Protein backbone atom coordinates (compact mmCIF):
# COMPACT_ATOMS: atom_id res chain seq x y z
CA MET A 1 -19.56 10.74 32.63
CA ALA A 2 -20.19 9.47 29.12
CA ASN A 3 -16.97 7.43 29.16
CA GLU A 4 -17.93 5.90 32.52
CA ASN A 5 -21.28 4.85 31.09
CA LEU A 6 -19.69 3.32 28.00
CA THR A 7 -17.30 1.38 30.22
CA LEU A 8 -20.27 0.20 32.28
CA GLN A 9 -22.18 -0.81 29.13
CA GLN A 10 -19.13 -2.64 27.75
CA GLY A 11 -18.83 -4.47 31.07
CA ILE A 12 -22.44 -5.60 30.82
CA VAL A 13 -21.88 -6.89 27.28
CA ALA A 14 -18.73 -8.71 28.45
CA ARG A 15 -20.64 -10.40 31.31
CA ILE A 16 -23.34 -11.46 28.85
CA GLU A 17 -20.72 -12.90 26.51
CA GLN A 18 -19.23 -14.87 29.43
CA LEU A 19 -22.65 -16.25 30.35
CA THR A 20 -23.50 -17.28 26.80
CA MET A 21 -20.13 -18.93 26.10
CA THR A 22 -21.11 -21.92 28.19
CA GLY A 23 -23.76 -23.02 25.71
CA SER A 24 -27.23 -23.84 26.97
CA LEU A 25 -28.22 -21.90 30.04
CA ASP A 26 -30.20 -23.01 33.03
CA GLU A 27 -33.18 -20.97 34.19
CA ALA A 28 -31.16 -18.92 36.70
CA SER A 29 -28.60 -18.00 34.04
CA GLN A 30 -31.36 -17.04 31.59
CA THR A 31 -32.84 -14.79 34.25
CA ARG A 32 -29.43 -13.21 34.92
CA LEU A 33 -28.95 -12.71 31.19
CA SER A 34 -32.28 -10.91 30.83
CA THR A 35 -31.52 -8.79 33.90
CA LEU A 36 -28.20 -7.68 32.36
CA CYS A 37 -29.87 -6.85 29.04
CA ASN A 38 -32.52 -4.79 30.79
CA GLU A 39 -29.82 -3.02 32.82
CA ALA A 40 -28.07 -2.02 29.60
CA VAL A 41 -31.34 -0.55 28.28
CA ARG A 42 -31.91 1.39 31.52
CA ASN A 43 -28.38 2.81 31.31
CA ALA A 44 -29.00 3.89 27.72
CA GLU A 45 -32.28 5.57 28.75
CA ILE A 46 -30.40 7.55 31.40
CA HIS A 47 -27.45 8.62 29.27
CA LYS A 48 -29.28 9.03 25.95
CA ASP A 49 -26.28 8.72 23.64
CA ALA A 50 -26.00 6.64 20.47
CA ASP A 51 -23.13 4.48 21.71
CA SER A 52 -25.04 3.52 24.88
CA TRP A 53 -28.08 2.53 22.82
CA HIS A 54 -25.92 0.51 20.44
CA LEU A 55 -24.25 -1.29 23.36
CA ALA A 56 -27.69 -2.05 24.80
CA ALA A 57 -28.60 -3.57 21.42
CA LEU A 58 -25.37 -5.59 21.52
CA ALA A 59 -26.36 -6.90 24.92
CA TRP A 60 -29.61 -8.17 23.44
CA TYR A 61 -27.80 -9.40 20.32
CA GLU A 62 -25.61 -11.60 22.55
CA HIS A 63 -28.70 -12.91 24.37
CA SER A 64 -28.90 -16.60 23.60
CA GLU A 65 -32.68 -16.68 23.50
CA GLY A 66 -33.79 -16.42 19.87
CA SER A 67 -37.13 -14.87 20.73
CA THR A 68 -39.35 -12.23 19.24
CA ARG A 69 -38.58 -10.06 22.26
CA ARG A 70 -34.85 -10.29 21.56
CA SER A 71 -35.41 -9.15 17.97
CA LYS A 72 -37.70 -6.31 19.06
CA MET A 73 -35.23 -5.09 21.67
CA ILE A 74 -32.31 -5.11 19.23
CA ARG A 75 -34.37 -3.14 16.71
CA PHE A 76 -35.63 -0.72 19.37
CA CYS A 77 -32.15 0.00 20.73
CA GLU A 78 -30.53 0.38 17.31
CA ALA A 79 -33.39 2.64 16.18
CA ARG A 80 -32.79 4.85 19.22
CA ALA A 81 -29.07 4.98 18.46
CA LEU A 82 -29.83 5.96 14.85
CA GLU A 83 -32.33 8.63 15.93
CA ILE A 84 -29.54 10.24 17.95
CA ASP A 85 -26.82 9.67 15.33
CA PRO A 86 -28.11 8.62 11.89
CA ALA A 87 -24.52 8.03 10.76
CA HIS A 88 -23.72 5.53 13.56
CA GLN A 89 -22.16 2.76 11.49
CA PHE A 90 -22.19 0.00 14.09
CA ALA A 91 -25.85 0.61 14.95
CA ARG A 92 -26.73 0.51 11.25
CA GLN A 93 -24.70 -2.65 10.76
CA TYR A 94 -26.27 -4.56 13.63
CA LEU A 95 -29.73 -3.39 12.60
CA ALA A 96 -29.00 -4.87 9.16
CA TYR A 97 -27.87 -8.13 10.79
CA GLN A 98 -31.13 -8.37 12.71
CA GLN A 99 -33.23 -7.51 9.67
CA PHE A 100 -31.42 -10.23 7.74
CA ASP A 101 -31.86 -12.74 10.58
CA ASP A 102 -35.57 -11.92 10.64
CA GLY A 103 -35.86 -12.59 6.88
CA GLU A 104 -36.46 -8.93 6.03
CA TYR A 105 -33.98 -8.93 3.16
CA GLU A 106 -35.22 -5.77 1.47
CA ASP A 107 -34.86 -3.79 4.71
CA ALA A 108 -31.47 -5.39 5.36
CA LEU A 109 -30.30 -4.33 1.90
CA GLY A 110 -31.45 -0.79 2.58
CA SER A 111 -29.51 -0.67 5.83
CA LEU A 112 -26.42 -2.27 4.30
CA GLU A 113 -26.40 0.23 1.44
CA LEU A 114 -26.10 3.06 3.98
CA LEU A 115 -22.92 1.63 5.48
CA LYS A 116 -19.64 3.28 4.59
CA PRO A 117 -16.91 0.70 3.94
CA GLU A 118 -14.20 3.30 4.51
CA TYR A 119 -15.39 3.76 8.10
CA PHE A 120 -14.59 0.13 8.93
CA GLU A 121 -11.43 0.16 6.81
CA ASP A 122 -10.16 3.18 8.76
CA LEU A 123 -10.64 1.11 11.93
CA ASP A 124 -8.66 -1.77 10.35
CA GLN A 125 -11.80 -3.90 10.47
CA HIS A 126 -11.69 -5.04 6.88
CA TRP A 127 -13.55 -8.21 7.79
CA ARG A 128 -16.65 -6.10 8.48
CA VAL A 129 -16.54 -4.78 4.92
CA LEU A 130 -16.40 -8.36 3.64
CA LYS A 131 -19.20 -9.44 5.99
CA ASN A 132 -21.37 -6.58 4.75
CA ARG A 133 -20.70 -7.51 1.11
CA GLU A 134 -21.54 -11.12 1.93
CA LEU A 135 -24.87 -10.07 3.45
CA VAL A 136 -25.69 -7.88 0.43
CA LEU A 137 -25.05 -10.84 -1.86
CA ALA A 138 -27.06 -13.22 0.35
CA ALA A 139 -29.98 -10.77 0.58
CA GLN A 140 -29.97 -10.35 -3.20
CA LEU A 141 -30.03 -14.12 -3.62
CA HIS A 142 -32.92 -14.44 -1.14
CA LEU A 143 -34.80 -11.82 -3.12
CA ALA A 144 -33.97 -13.66 -6.37
CA ARG A 145 -32.26 -10.58 -7.74
CA ASP A 146 -29.60 -10.60 -10.38
CA VAL A 147 -26.26 -10.53 -8.68
CA PRO A 148 -23.78 -8.21 -10.41
CA LEU A 149 -20.93 -10.74 -10.61
CA GLU A 150 -18.51 -8.44 -12.44
CA GLU A 151 -19.01 -5.71 -9.84
CA LEU A 152 -18.56 -8.26 -7.08
CA LYS A 153 -15.34 -9.59 -8.61
CA SER A 154 -13.92 -6.09 -8.87
CA GLN A 155 -14.48 -5.54 -5.14
CA LEU A 156 -12.56 -8.64 -4.06
């Protein structure tokens, strides 16, 4: 049952990605997009597993509307995923992305520091490790912190 739900959630995210690839959306497409996002949240509420909540957050993350509601829904869904599985790396990563996008650089740094680079490396997703390092550096710059250049060079 859990696999069926994840497949359903992944299908919703894929349909959202298809809708948003066209660029600006008309009112009917925006309505369809919101309906799909809400469907993903309802599925997560039924199945109550971390992956379903993270996929619901991804649905909202892909939502083209840069609204306060979008941000709140991403945070809500990722928080639910992390309540169920505090070690869920993708939920933590996307929460950090949203915190960064919202200008909450201190919170983003805190989330990014909890990520385990080896998790993404084991999945052969080395680009995620680089993206996370980039966000740490950018958050530090936004916060006018000293950037440890020697440490950064040794990681490249």
